[in-house]
Amino acid sequence: MNNFKEIISYFLMLPAIFIGTLAMVSYGVTSSIWIQNIIIWILGTLLGSVFLIRTKGENCSKGNFSYTFIIIALLVLPFWFNDLDGVHRWLSFGPFNLYIASIILPLLIIHLWKLALNNRERYAIGISFITLVILLFHPDAGQLTAFACATAIILWKKISNKLIKLLSITLTATLGIVSWVFLDDLAPVPYVEHIIFLVADLGNVWFILGVLSLILLLSPFFFFGKKNIISLSLGVYFLMTMIVTLFGNFPMPIMGYGTSPVIGYLIAITWLNKNK
């Protein structure tokens, strides 16, 4: 029964994917594009379900420095790939482009929480700021803002020294503000960044359903299951990735075209189910 409850959480993604796909089809997007989100969701749901069933009862490891540094290295990798008008966000392999930040930042948030949980707050602070600086140079104000808000919760809750806590939050906020001063000039792709407006073009009913489907994506972190610092942090991360799309040209996760945010969300949901 518990396995069924864990697996059913993957289906919370389905309404947003379906409504986004409907909007893309209405806009004239080819099937080779909109079907990618569906394929990744199916594969991710199958792999995540198998993982949860096979590892039931096993404890997750404590924060591992080697894993964390691998994640940071992956975040740096886009600088060695071709940029797009000075923007370094993607790992390109032929026709496939991985928006690496949206894949690994949920995982990095989890590792930072593990470090803080095991009294390694200084390492968590250092890694957090290194990540923010990397995102600043990508540049990616959307992911930087989402990551900053998520890690601010962890740092605020786990840092005992008030001065260090204040300095950390101040520096985090400063980097967030700076990222919005130096926004990139990339033109938006309607079915990626502006997908919610394409949904609105379908009619008021579809728009309301679309907004509700996005809220449904946040429900595992805020409303259902065990609520703690890490679930709230992950929830804030995904909430902010949605909110920033209203103020800049940033991809709407899950609903808009883009397999990388789907993968990142699947990672977060799988970990959350594993650690209920």
Foldseek 3Di string as FASTA:
>chain_A
DLLVVLLCLLCLLVLLLVLLLVLCVVVPNDPVFSCLLVVLSVVLSVVLSVVCVVCPPPDDDAQDPVVLVVLVVQLLVQVVPDADQQARQWDDDPVDTARSLLQCLLVNLVNLLRCLVVVNPVVSLVSLVSSLVSCLNSPDLLLLVLSLQLVLLSLCVRDPDPVVNVVSNVVSVVSSVSSVVDDDDDDADCLFLVSLVSQVVVDDVSSVSNVVSLVSLLCVLPPDDDHDSSSVSSSSSLVSSQVCSVVDRGTNASNGGDNSNVNNSSVNSSVSSNVD
